[in-house]
């Protein structure tokens, strides 16, 4: 019996079926859990069925990116969000009075 709460991004092994999958979405209102298996197949499990499963925590397989069709080259480009150091600095919003290197003084 699965006493585990489904965690998005966590990997599990269904001991009865011997399949490894990742939880990719949880819809509490609909009572469903969306999982993606190592091969790329996406499936939906309702919460009642989830409670019946014999699940073990699992490590992501070495080739887990195959199901997302990612390659080594995809890891080279960063999707990180750029946040400037002075994001909240109000002085950054003030336009300079300098035109072509000359001041108003």
PDB file of N, CA and C in Angstrom:
ATOM      1  N   UNK A   1       0.832  -1.187   0.000  1.00  0.00           N
ATOM      2  CA  UNK A   1       0.000   0.000   0.000  1.00  0.00           C
ATOM      3  C   UNK A   1       0.878   1.253   0.000  1.00  0.00           C
ATOM      4  N   UNK A   2       0.513   2.197  -0.797  1.00  0.00           N
ATOM      5  CA  UNK A   2       1.292   3.435  -0.887  1.00  0.00           C
ATOM      6  C   UNK A   2       0.819   4.406   0.179  1.00  0.00           C
ATOM      7  N   UNK A   3       1.632   4.595   1.161  1.00  0.00           N
ATOM      8  CA  UNK A   3       1.311   5.585   2.172  1.00  0.00           C
ATOM      9  C   UNK A   3       2.003   6.904   1.844  1.00  0.00           C
ATOM     10  N   UNK A   4       2.716   6.911   0.709  1.00  0.00           N
ATOM     11  CA  UNK A   4       3.452   8.094   0.299  1.00  0.00           C
ATOM     12  C   UNK A   4       2.524   9.082  -0.391  1.00  0.00           C
ATOM     13  N   UNK A   5       2.748  10.325  -0.094  1.00  0.00           N
ATOM     14  CA  UNK A   5       2.042  11.386  -0.793  1.00  0.00           C
ATOM     15  C   UNK A   5       2.785  11.609  -2.107  1.00  0.00           C
ATOM     16  N   UNK A   6       2.096  11.668  -3.242  1.00  0.00           N
ATOM     17  CA  UNK A   6       2.800  11.866  -4.514  1.00  0.00           C
ATOM     18  C   UNK A   6       3.453  13.241  -4.559  1.00  0.00           C
ATOM     19  N   UNK A   7       4.731  13.247  -4.895  1.00  0.00           N
ATOM     20  CA  UNK A   7       5.504  14.482  -4.963  1.00  0.00           C
ATOM     21  C   UNK A   7       5.912  14.711  -6.415  1.00  0.00           C
ATOM     22  N   UNK A   8       5.584  15.869  -6.939  1.00  0.00           N
ATOM     23  CA  UNK A   8       5.945  16.184  -8.323  1.00  0.00           C
ATOM     24  C   UNK A   8       7.464  16.207  -8.444  1.00  0.00           C
ATOM     25  N   UNK A   9       7.968  15.496  -9.444  1.00  0.00           N
ATOM     26  CA  UNK A   9       9.404  15.412  -9.670  1.00  0.00           C
ATOM     27  C   UNK A   9      10.067  14.235  -8.984  1.00  0.00           C
ATOM     28  N   UNK A  10       9.326  13.523  -8.130  1.00  0.00           N
ATOM     29  CA  UNK A  10       9.883  12.359  -7.428  1.00  0.00           C
ATOM     30  C   UNK A  10       9.731  11.111  -8.295  1.00  0.00           C
ATOM     31  N   UNK A  11      10.701  10.213  -8.177  1.00  0.00           N
ATOM     32  CA  UNK A  11      10.689   8.950  -8.925  1.00  0.00           C
ATOM     33  C   UNK A  11      10.265   7.828  -7.996  1.00  0.00           C
ATOM     34  N   UNK A  12       9.441   6.924  -8.521  1.00  0.00           N
ATOM     35  CA  UNK A  12       8.937   5.784  -7.760  1.00  0.00           C
ATOM     36  C   UNK A  12       9.084   4.518  -8.587  1.00  0.00           C
ATOM     37  N   UNK A  13       9.127   3.393  -7.889  1.00  0.00           N
ATOM     38  CA  UNK A  13       9.123   2.096  -8.560  1.00  0.00           C
ATOM     39  C   UNK A  13       7.887   1.347  -8.100  1.00  0.00           C
ATOM     40  N   UNK A  14       7.090   0.941  -9.068  1.00  0.00           N
ATOM     41  CA  UNK A  14       5.925   0.104  -8.776  1.00  0.00           C
ATOM     42  C   UNK A  14       6.458  -1.318  -8.602  1.00  0.00           C
ATOM     43  N   UNK A  15       6.443  -1.819  -7.367  1.00  0.00           N
ATOM     44  CA  UNK A  15       7.040  -3.118  -7.076  1.00  0.00           C
ATOM     45  C   UNK A  15       6.299  -4.254  -7.773  1.00  0.00           C
ATOM     46  N   UNK A  16       4.993  -4.157  -7.939  1.00  0.00           N
ATOM     47  CA  UNK A  16       4.225  -5.221  -8.571  1.00  0.00           C
ATOM     48  C   UNK A  16       4.505  -5.296 -10.070  1.00  0.00           C
ATOM     49  N   UNK A  17       4.607  -4.161 -10.737  1.00  0.00           N
ATOM     50  CA  UNK A  17       4.818  -4.116 -12.185  1.00  0.00           C
ATOM     51  C   UNK A  17       6.293  -3.973 -12.547  1.00  0.00           C
ATOM     52  N   UNK A  18       7.131  -3.677 -11.572  1.00  0.00           N
ATOM     53  CA  UNK A  18       8.567  -3.453 -11.774  1.00  0.00           C
ATOM     54  C   UNK A  18       8.810  -2.372 -12.821  1.00  0.00           C
ATOM     55  N   UNK A  19       8.103  -1.250 -12.676  1.00  0.00           N
ATOM     56  CA  UNK A  19       8.256  -0.116 -13.579  1.00  0.00           C
ATOM     57  C   UNK A  19       8.656   1.117 -12.777  1.00  0.00           C
ATOM     58  N   UNK A  20       9.534   1.916 -13.355  1.00  0.00           N
ATOM     59  CA  UNK A  20       9.966   3.151 -12.714  1.00  0.00           C
ATOM     60  C   UNK A  20       9.288   4.311 -13.432  1.00  0.00           C
ATOM     61  N   UNK A  21       8.785   5.265 -12.644  1.00  0.00           N
ATOM     62  CA  UNK A  21       8.107   6.414 -13.229  1.00  0.00           C
ATOM     63  C   UNK A  21       8.349   7.649 -12.372  1.00  0.00           C
ATOM     64  N   UNK A  22       8.083   8.802 -12.985  1.00  0.00           N
ATOM     65  CA  UNK A  22       8.200  10.090 -12.302  1.00  0.00           C
ATOM     66  C   UNK A  22       6.817  10.714 -12.214  1.00  0.00           C
ATOM     67  N   UNK A  23       6.501  11.306 -11.084  1.00  0.00           N
ATOM     68  CA  UNK A  23       5.252  12.046 -10.948  1.00  0.00           C
ATOM     69  C   UNK A  23       5.458  13.408 -11.582  1.00  0.00           C
ATOM     70  N   UNK A  24       4.637  13.722 -12.594  1.00  0.00           N
ATOM     71  CA  UNK A  24       4.799  14.986 -13.308  1.00  0.00           C
ATOM     72  C   UNK A  24       3.693  15.993 -12.996  1.00  0.00           C
ATOM     73  N   UNK A  25       2.570  15.528 -12.433  1.00  0.00           N
ATOM     74  CA  UNK A  25       1.490  16.448 -12.075  1.00  0.00           C
ATOM     75  C   UNK A  25       0.559  15.780 -11.072  1.00  0.00           C
ATOM     76  N   UNK A  26      -0.009  16.600 -10.204  1.00  0.00           N
ATOM     77  CA  UNK A  26      -1.008  16.128  -9.246  1.00  0.00           C
ATOM     78  C   UNK A  26      -2.181  17.087  -9.314  1.00  0.00           C
ATOM     79  N   UNK A  27      -3.365  16.550  -9.578  1.00  0.00           N
ATOM     80  CA  UNK A  27      -4.583  17.353  -9.622  1.00  0.00           C
ATOM     81  C   UNK A  27      -5.465  16.908  -8.465  1.00  0.00           C
ATOM     82  N   UNK A  28      -5.411  17.675  -7.378  1.00  0.00           N
ATOM     83  CA  UNK A  28      -6.162  17.304  -6.178  1.00  0.00           C
ATOM     84  C   UNK A  28      -7.671  17.426  -6.379  1.00  0.00           C
ATOM     85  N   UNK A  29      -8.087  18.384  -7.209  1.00  0.00           N
ATOM     86  CA  UNK A  29      -9.525  18.569  -7.443  1.00  0.00           C
ATOM     87  C   UNK A  29     -10.116  17.397  -8.222  1.00  0.00           C
ATOM     88  N   UNK A  30      -9.381  16.913  -9.224  1.00  0.00           N
ATOM     89  CA  UNK A  30      -9.860  15.775 -10.018  1.00  0.00           C
ATOM     90  C   UNK A  30      -9.500  14.451  -9.358  1.00  0.00           C
ATOM     91  N   UNK A  31      -8.597  14.493  -8.376  1.00  0.00           N
ATOM     92  CA  UNK A  31      -8.187  13.263  -7.700  1.00  0.00           C
ATOM     93  C   UNK A  31      -7.319  12.379  -8.571  1.00  0.00           C
ATOM     94  N   UNK A  32      -6.414  12.993  -9.349  1.00  0.00           N
ATOM     95  CA  UNK A  32      -5.584  12.198 -10.249  1.00  0.00           C
ATOM     96  C   UNK A  32      -4.117  12.610 -10.148  1.00  0.00           C
ATOM     97  N   UNK A  33      -3.275  11.667 -10.525  1.00  0.00           N
ATOM     98  CA  UNK A  33      -1.830  11.856 -10.533  1.00  0.00           C
ATOM     99  C   UNK A  33      -1.349  11.492 -11.926  1.00  0.00           C
ATOM    100  N   UNK A  34      -0.588  12.373 -12.553  1.00  0.00           N
ATOM    101  CA  UNK A  34      -0.050  12.091 -13.875  1.00  0.00           C
ATOM    102  C   UNK A  34       1.403  11.664 -13.707  1.00  0.00           C
ATOM    103  N   UNK A  35       1.732  10.525 -14.326  1.00  0.00           N
ATOM    104  CA  UNK A  35       3.082   9.975 -14.226  1.00  0.00           C
ATOM    105  C   UNK A  35       3.650   9.766 -15.619  1.00  0.00           C
ATOM    106  N   UNK A  36       4.988   9.797 -15.704  1.00  0.00           N
ATOM    107  CA  UNK A  36       5.669   9.515 -16.962  1.00  0.00           C
ATOM    108  C   UNK A  36       6.691   8.423 -16.706  1.00  0.00           C
ATOM    109  N   UNK A  37       6.575   7.355 -17.486  1.00  0.00           N
ATOM    110  CA  UNK A  37       7.473   6.217 -17.359  1.00  0.00           C
ATOM    111  C   UNK A  37       8.780   6.502 -18.080  1.00  0.00           C
ATOM    112  N   UNK A  38       9.796   5.701 -17.808  1.00  0.00           N
ATOM    113  CA  UNK A  38      11.117   5.893 -18.388  1.00  0.00           C
ATOM    114  C   UNK A  38      11.060   5.886 -19.911  1.00  0.00           C
ATOM    115  N   UNK A  39      10.200   5.088 -20.492  1.00  0.00           N
ATOM    116  CA  UNK A  39      10.083   5.007 -21.942  1.00  0.00           C
ATOM    117  C   UNK A  39       9.416   6.212 -22.572  1.00  0.00           C
ATOM    118  N   UNK A  40       8.825   7.089 -21.778  1.00  0.00           N
ATOM    119  CA  UNK A  40       8.184   8.290 -22.296  1.00  0.00           C
ATOM    120  C   UNK A  40       6.674   8.266 -22.228  1.00  0.00           C
ATOM    121  N   UNK A  41       6.092   7.111 -21.947  1.00  0.00           N
ATOM    122  CA  UNK A  41       4.632   7.020 -21.880  1.00  0.00           C
ATOM    123  C   UNK A  41       4.120   7.814 -20.685  1.00  0.00           C
ATOM    124  N   UNK A  42       3.019   8.522 -20.901  1.00  0.00           N
ATOM    125  CA  UNK A  42       2.384   9.292 -19.839  1.00  0.00           C
ATOM    126  C   UNK A  42       1.089   8.591 -19.469  1.00  0.00           C
ATOM    127  N   UNK A  43       0.832   8.496 -18.164  1.00  0.00           N
ATOM    128  CA  UNK A  43      -0.361   7.816 -17.695  1.00  0.00           C
ATOM    129  C   UNK A  43      -0.954   8.604 -16.538  1.00  0.00           C
ATOM    130  N   UNK A  44      -2.220   8.339 -16.268  1.00  0.00           N
ATOM    131  CA  UNK A  44      -2.903   8.995 -15.166  1.00  0.00           C
ATOM    132  C   UNK A  44      -3.381   7.944 -14.179  1.00  0.00           C
ATOM    133  N   UNK A  45      -3.133   8.191 -12.908  1.00  0.00           N
ATOM    134  CA  UNK A  45      -3.535   7.272 -11.846  1.00  0.00           C
ATOM    135  C   UNK A  45      -4.440   8.042 -10.895  1.00  0.00           C
ATOM    136  N   UNK A  46      -5.587   7.477 -10.560  1.00  0.00           N
ATOM    137  CA  UNK A  46      -6.445   8.164  -9.605  1.00  0.00           C
ATOM    138  C   UNK A  46      -5.919   7.925  -8.189  1.00  0.00           C
ATOM    139  N   UNK A  47      -6.300   8.794  -7.267  1.00  0.00           N
ATOM    140  CA  UNK A  47      -5.771   8.731  -5.901  1.00  0.00           C
ATOM    141  C   UNK A  47      -6.102   7.421  -5.197  1.00  0.00           C
ATOM    142  N   UNK A  48      -7.271   6.848  -5.470  1.00  0.00           N
ATOM    143  CA  UNK A  48      -7.635   5.568  -4.844  1.00  0.00           C
ATOM    144  C   UNK A  48      -6.697   4.456  -5.309  1.00  0.00           C
ATOM    145  N   UNK A  49      -6.392   4.431  -6.600  1.00  0.00           N
ATOM    146  CA  UNK A  49      -5.456   3.431  -7.137  1.00  0.00           C
ATOM    147  C   UNK A  49      -4.063   3.659  -6.579  1.00  0.00           C
ATOM    148  N   UNK A  50      -3.658   4.931  -6.454  1.00  0.00           N
ATOM    149  CA  UNK A  50      -2.338   5.265  -5.897  1.00  0.00           C
ATOM    150  C   UNK A  50      -2.181   4.651  -4.501  1.00  0.00           C
ATOM    151  N   UNK A  51      -3.221   4.725  -3.708  1.00  0.00           N
ATOM    152  CA  UNK A  51      -3.169   4.174  -2.347  1.00  0.00           C
ATOM    153  C   UNK A  51      -3.043   2.647  -2.350  1.00  0.00           C
ATOM    154  N   UNK A  52      -3.478   1.992  -3.424  1.00  0.00           N
ATOM    155  CA  UNK A  52      -3.412   0.539  -3.528  1.00  0.00           C
ATOM    156  C   UNK A  52      -2.048   0.039  -4.015  1.00  0.00           C
ATOM    157  N   UNK A  53      -1.262   0.904  -4.643  1.00  0.00           N
ATOM    158  CA  UNK A  53       0.009   0.500  -5.234  1.00  0.00           C
ATOM    159  C   UNK A  53       1.074   0.233  -4.170  1.00  0.00           C
ATOM    160  N   UNK A  54       1.940  -0.708  -4.472  1.00  0.00           N
ATOM    161  CA  UNK A  54       3.104  -0.971  -3.628  1.00  0.00           C
ATOM    162  C   UNK A  54       4.272  -0.223  -4.258  1.00  0.00           C
ATOM    163  N   UNK A  55       4.581   0.962  -3.713  1.00  0.00           N
ATOM    164  CA  UNK A  55       5.572   1.841  -4.311  1.00  0.00           C
ATOM    165  C   UNK A  55       6.821   1.935  -3.447  1.00  0.00           C
ATOM    166  N   UNK A  56       7.946   2.008  -4.127  1.00  0.00           N
ATOM    167  CA  UNK A  56       9.225   2.214  -3.476  1.00  0.00           C
ATOM    168  C   UNK A  56       9.824   3.497  -4.028  1.00  0.00           C
ATOM    169  N   UNK A  57      10.521   4.227  -3.187  1.00  0.00           N
ATOM    170  CA  UNK A  57      11.227   5.409  -3.684  1.00  0.00           C
ATOM    171  C   UNK A  57      12.337   4.937  -4.607  1.00  0.00           C
ATOM    172  N   UNK A  58      12.535   5.641  -5.706  1.00  0.00           N
ATOM    173  CA  UNK A  58      13.540   5.229  -6.689  1.00  0.00           C
ATOM    174  C   UNK A  58      14.403   6.416  -7.076  1.00  0.00           C
ATOM    175  N   UNK A  59      15.624   6.109  -7.481  1.00  0.00           N
ATOM    176  CA  UNK A  59      16.522   7.120  -8.020  1.00  0.00           C
ATOM    177  C   UNK A  59      16.208   7.285  -9.504  1.00  0.00           C
ATOM    178  N   UNK A  60      16.382   8.488 -10.039  1.00  0.00           N
ATOM    179  CA  UNK A  60      16.164   8.643 -11.482  1.00  0.00           C
ATOM    180  C   UNK A  60      17.148   7.774 -12.250  1.00  0.00           C
ATOM    181  N   UNK A  61      16.687   7.101 -13.278  1.00  0.00           N
ATOM    182  CA  UNK A  61      17.616   6.286 -14.065  1.00  0.00           C
ATOM    183  C   UNK A  61      18.644   7.168 -14.767  1.00  0.00           C
ATOM    184  N   UNK A  62      19.768   6.577 -15.134  1.00  0.00           N
ATOM    185  CA  UNK A  62      20.829   7.348 -15.771  1.00  0.00           C
ATOM    186  C   UNK A  62      20.363   7.972 -17.081  1.00  0.00           C
ATOM    187  N   UNK A  63      19.476   7.305 -17.784  1.00  0.00           N
ATOM    188  CA  UNK A  63      19.010   7.801 -19.074  1.00  0.00           C
ATOM    189  C   UNK A  63      17.605   8.381 -18.991  1.00  0.00           C
ATOM    190  N   UNK A  64      17.268   9.048 -17.904  1.00  0.00           N
ATOM    191  CA  UNK A  64      15.912   9.564 -17.717  1.00  0.00           C
ATOM    192  C   UNK A  64      15.569  10.646 -18.742  1.00  0.00           C
ATOM    193  N   UNK A  65      16.573  11.300 -19.333  1.00  0.00           N
ATOM    194  CA  UNK A  65      16.312  12.357 -20.300  1.00  0.00           C
ATOM    195  C   UNK A  65      15.792  11.823 -21.624  1.00  0.00           C
ATOM    196  N   UNK A  66      15.933  10.533 -21.851  1.00  0.00           N
ATOM    197  CA  UNK A  66      15.468   9.942 -23.111  1.00  0.00           C
ATOM    198  C   UNK A  66      13.956  10.139 -23.273  1.00  0.00           C
ATOM    199  N   UNK A  67      13.201   9.988 -22.195  1.00  0.00           N
ATOM    200  CA  UNK A  67      11.748  10.123 -22.295  1.00  0.00           C
ATOM    201  C   UNK A  67      11.326  11.549 -22.622  1.00  0.00           C
ATOM    202  N   UNK A  68      12.181  12.514 -22.324  1.00  0.00           N
ATOM    203  CA  UNK A  68      11.887  13.901 -22.648  1.00  0.00           C
ATOM    204  C   UNK A  68      12.547  14.331 -23.957  1.00  0.00           C
ATOM    205  N   UNK A  69      13.195  13.381 -24.638  1.00  0.00           N
ATOM    206  CA  UNK A  69      13.889  13.609 -25.892  1.00  0.00           C
ATOM    207  C   UNK A  69      14.947  14.698 -25.743  1.00  0.00           C
ATOM    208  N   UNK A  70      15.698  14.663 -24.648  1.00  0.00           N
ATOM    209  CA  UNK A  70      16.781  15.604 -24.408  1.00  0.00           C
ATOM    210  C   UNK A  70      18.108  14.940 -24.713  1.00  0.00           C
ATOM    211  N   UNK A  71      19.044  15.707 -25.173  1.00  0.00           N
ATOM    212  CA  UNK A  71      20.371  15.193 -25.450  1.00  0.00           C
ATOM    213  C   UNK A  71      21.381  15.930 -24.588  1.00  0.00           C
ATOM    214  N   UNK A  72      22.639  15.539 -24.687  1.00  0.00           N
ATOM    215  CA  UNK A  72      23.687  16.225 -23.937  1.00  0.00           C
ATOM    216  C   UNK A  72      23.805  17.682 -24.364  1.00  0.00           C
ATOM    217  N   UNK A  73      23.526  17.973 -25.618  1.00  0.00           N
ATOM    218  CA  UNK A  73      23.611  19.343 -26.107  1.00  0.00           C
ATOM    219  C   UNK A  73      22.565  20.241 -25.467  1.00  0.00           C
ATOM    220  N   UNK A  74      21.423  19.668 -25.063  1.00  0.00           N
ATOM    221  CA  UNK A  74      20.379  20.459 -24.426  1.00  0.00           C
ATOM    222  C   UNK A  74      20.815  20.979 -23.071  1.00  0.00           C
ATOM    223  N   UNK A  75      21.724  20.288 -22.413  1.00  0.00           N
ATOM    224  CA  UNK A  75      22.160  20.722 -21.095  1.00  0.00           C
ATOM    225  C   UNK A  75      23.151  21.873 -21.185  1.00  0.00           C
ATOM    226  N   UNK A  76      23.663  22.165 -22.395  1.00  0.00           N
ATOM    227  CA  UNK A  76      24.621  23.250 -22.552  1.00  0.00           C
ATOM    228  C   UNK A  76      23.961  24.619 -22.490  1.00  0.00           C
ATOM    229  N   UNK A  77      22.729  24.729 -22.964  1.00  0.00           N
ATOM    230  CA  UNK A  77      22.043  26.017 -22.915  1.00  0.00           C
ATOM    231  C   UNK A  77      21.264  26.105 -21.615  1.00  0.00           C
ATOM    232  N   UNK A  78      21.505  27.165 -20.922  1.00  0.00           N
ATOM    233  CA  UNK A  78      20.897  27.337 -19.604  1.00  0.00           C
ATOM    234  C   UNK A  78      19.526  27.981 -19.726  1.00  0.00           C
ATOM    235  N   UNK A  79      18.577  27.463 -18.990  1.00  0.00           N
ATOM    236  CA  UNK A  79      17.248  28.050 -18.913  1.00  0.00           C
ATOM    237  C   UNK A  79      17.078  28.837 -17.619  1.00  0.00           C
ATOM    238  N   UNK A  80      18.207  29.127 -16.962  1.00  0.00           N
ATOM    239  CA  UNK A  80      18.152  29.855 -15.707  1.00  0.00           C
ATOM    240  C   UNK A  80      17.608  31.261 -15.939  1.00  0.00           C
ATOM    241  N   UNK A  81      16.905  31.747 -14.959  1.00  0.00           N
ATOM    242  CA  UNK A  81      16.342  33.084 -15.024  1.00  0.00           C
ATOM    243  C   UNK A  81      17.414  34.073 -14.594  1.00  0.00           C
ATOM    244  N   UNK A  82      17.584  35.115 -15.374  1.00  0.00           N
ATOM    245  CA  UNK A  82      18.558  36.154 -15.034  1.00  0.00           C
ATOM    246  C   UNK A  82      17.888  37.199 -14.162  1.00  0.00           C
ATOM    247  N   UNK A  83      18.454  37.432 -13.000  1.00  0.00           N
ATOM    248  CA  UNK A  83      17.951  38.455 -12.094  1.00  0.00           C
ATOM    249  C   UNK A  83      19.095  39.428 -11.843  1.00  0.00           C
ATOM    250  N   UNK A  84      18.940  40.687 -12.260  1.00  0.00           N
ATOM    251  CA  UNK A  84      20.005  41.656 -12.037  1.00  0.00           C
ATOM    252  C   UNK A  84      20.253  41.874 -10.550  1.00  0.00           C
ATOM    253  N   UNK A  85      21.465  42.297 -10.224  1.00  0.00           N
ATOM    254  CA  UNK A  85      21.812  42.534  -8.822  1.00  0.00           C
ATOM    255  C   UNK A  85      20.980  43.655  -8.226  1.00  0.00           C
ATOM    256  N   UNK A  86      20.699  44.685  -9.024  1.00  0.00           N
ATOM    257  CA  UNK A  86      19.975  45.852  -8.522  1.00  0.00           C
ATOM    258  C   UNK A  86      18.518  45.842  -8.954  1.00  0.00           C
ATOM    259  N   UNK A  87      17.882  44.704  -8.890  1.00  0.00           N
ATOM    260  CA  UNK A  87      16.498  44.560  -9.350  1.00  0.00           C
ATOM    261  C   UNK A  87      15.568  45.532  -8.627  1.00  0.00           C
ATOM    262  N   UNK A  88      15.765  45.698  -7.335  1.00  0.00           N
ATOM    263  CA  UNK A  88      14.877  46.544  -6.539  1.00  0.00           C
ATOM    264  C   UNK A  88      15.452  47.931  -6.293  1.00  0.00           C
ATOM    265  N   UNK A  89      16.500  48.305  -6.979  1.00  0.00           N
ATOM    266  CA  UNK A  89      17.123  49.599  -6.789  1.00  0.00           C
ATOM    267  C   UNK A  89      16.324  50.658  -7.543  1.00  0.00           C
ATOM    268  N   UNK A  90      15.668  51.595  -6.835  1.00  0.00           N
ATOM    269  CA  UNK A  90      14.844  52.597  -7.518  1.00  0.00           C
ATOM    270  C   UNK A  90      15.670  53.545  -8.377  1.00  0.00           C
ATOM    271  N   UNK A  91      16.955  53.680  -8.101  1.00  0.00           N
ATOM    272  CA  UNK A  91      17.788  54.571  -8.895  1.00  0.00           C
ATOM    273  C   UNK A  91      18.033  54.034 -10.303  1.00  0.00           C
ATOM    274  N   UNK A  92      17.807  52.758 -10.514  1.00  0.00           N
ATOM    275  CA  UNK A  92      17.997  52.179 -11.843  1.00  0.00           C
ATOM    276  C   UNK A  92      16.932  52.664 -12.836  1.00  0.00           C
ATOM    277  N   UNK A  93      15.791  53.155 -12.325  1.00  0.00           N
ATOM    278  CA  UNK A  93      14.705  53.627 -13.187  1.00  0.00           C
ATOM    279  C   UNK A  93      14.870  55.081 -13.615  1.00  0.00           C
ATOM    280  N   UNK A  94      15.819  55.806 -13.030  1.00  0.00           N
ATOM    281  CA  UNK A  94      16.014  57.221 -13.346  1.00  0.00           C
ATOM    282  C   UNK A  94      16.879  57.343 -14.593  1.00  0.00           C
ATOM    283  N   UNK A  95      16.376  58.105 -15.558  1.00  0.00           N
ATOM    284  CA  UNK A  95      17.139  58.333 -16.779  1.00  0.00           C
ATOM    285  C   UNK A  95      18.201  59.399 -16.528  1.00  0.00           C
ATOM    286  N   UNK A  96      19.309  59.215 -17.143  1.00  0.00           N
ATOM    287  CA  UNK A  96      20.407  60.164 -17.007  1.00  0.00           C
ATOM    288  C   UNK A  96      20.112  61.415 -17.819  1.00  0.00           C
ATOM    289  N   UNK A  97      20.575  62.588 -17.321  1.00  0.00           N
ATOM    290  CA  UNK A  97      20.426  63.845 -18.043  1.00  0.00           C
ATOM    291  C   UNK A  97      21.594  64.075 -18.996  1.00  0.00           C
ATOM    292  N   UNK A  98      22.484  63.124 -19.061  1.00  0.00           N
ATOM    293  CA  UNK A  98      23.648  63.262 -19.904  1.00  0.00           C
ATOM    294  C   UNK A  98      23.285  62.923 -21.341  1.00  0.00           C
ATOM    295  N   UNK A  99      23.603  63.834 -22.254  1.00  0.00           N
ATOM    296  CA  UNK A  99      23.376  63.588 -23.670  1.00  0.00           C
ATOM    297  C   UNK A  99      24.722  63.693 -24.372  1.00  0.00           C
ATOM    298  N   UNK A 100      25.064  62.638 -25.036  1.00  0.00           N
ATOM    299  CA  UNK A 100      26.311  62.575 -25.788  1.00  0.00           C
ATOM    300  C   UNK A 100      27.525  62.913 -24.930  1.00  0.00           C
ATOM    301  N   UNK A 101      27.492  62.536 -23.665  1.00  0.00           N
ATOM    302  CA  UNK A 101      28.637  62.744 -22.792  1.00  0.00           C
ATOM    303  C   UNK A 101      28.702  64.127 -22.184  1.00  0.00           C
ATOM    304  N   UNK A 102      27.706  65.007 -22.417  1.00  0.00           N
ATOM    305  CA  UNK A 102      27.712  66.359 -21.860  1.00  0.00           C
ATOM    306  C   UNK A 102      26.679  66.451 -20.749  1.00  0.00           C
ATOM    307  N   UNK A 103      27.047  67.085 -19.670  1.00  0.00           N
ATOM    308  CA  UNK A 103      26.117  67.284 -18.549  1.00  0.00           C
ATOM    309  C   UNK A 103      25.404  68.619 -18.670  1.00  0.00           C
ATOM    310  N   UNK A 104      24.335  68.791 -17.903  1.00  0.00           N
ATOM    311  CA  UNK A 104      23.587  70.039 -17.882  1.00  0.00           C
ATOM    312  C   UNK A 104      24.262  71.100 -17.002  1.00  0.00           C
ATOM    313  N   UNK A 105      25.348  70.799 -16.370  1.00  0.00           N
ATOM    314  CA  UNK A 105      25.952  71.724 -15.425  1.00  0.00           C
ATOM    315  C   UNK A 105      26.527  72.902 -16.104  1.00  0.00           C
TER     316      UNK A 105
END
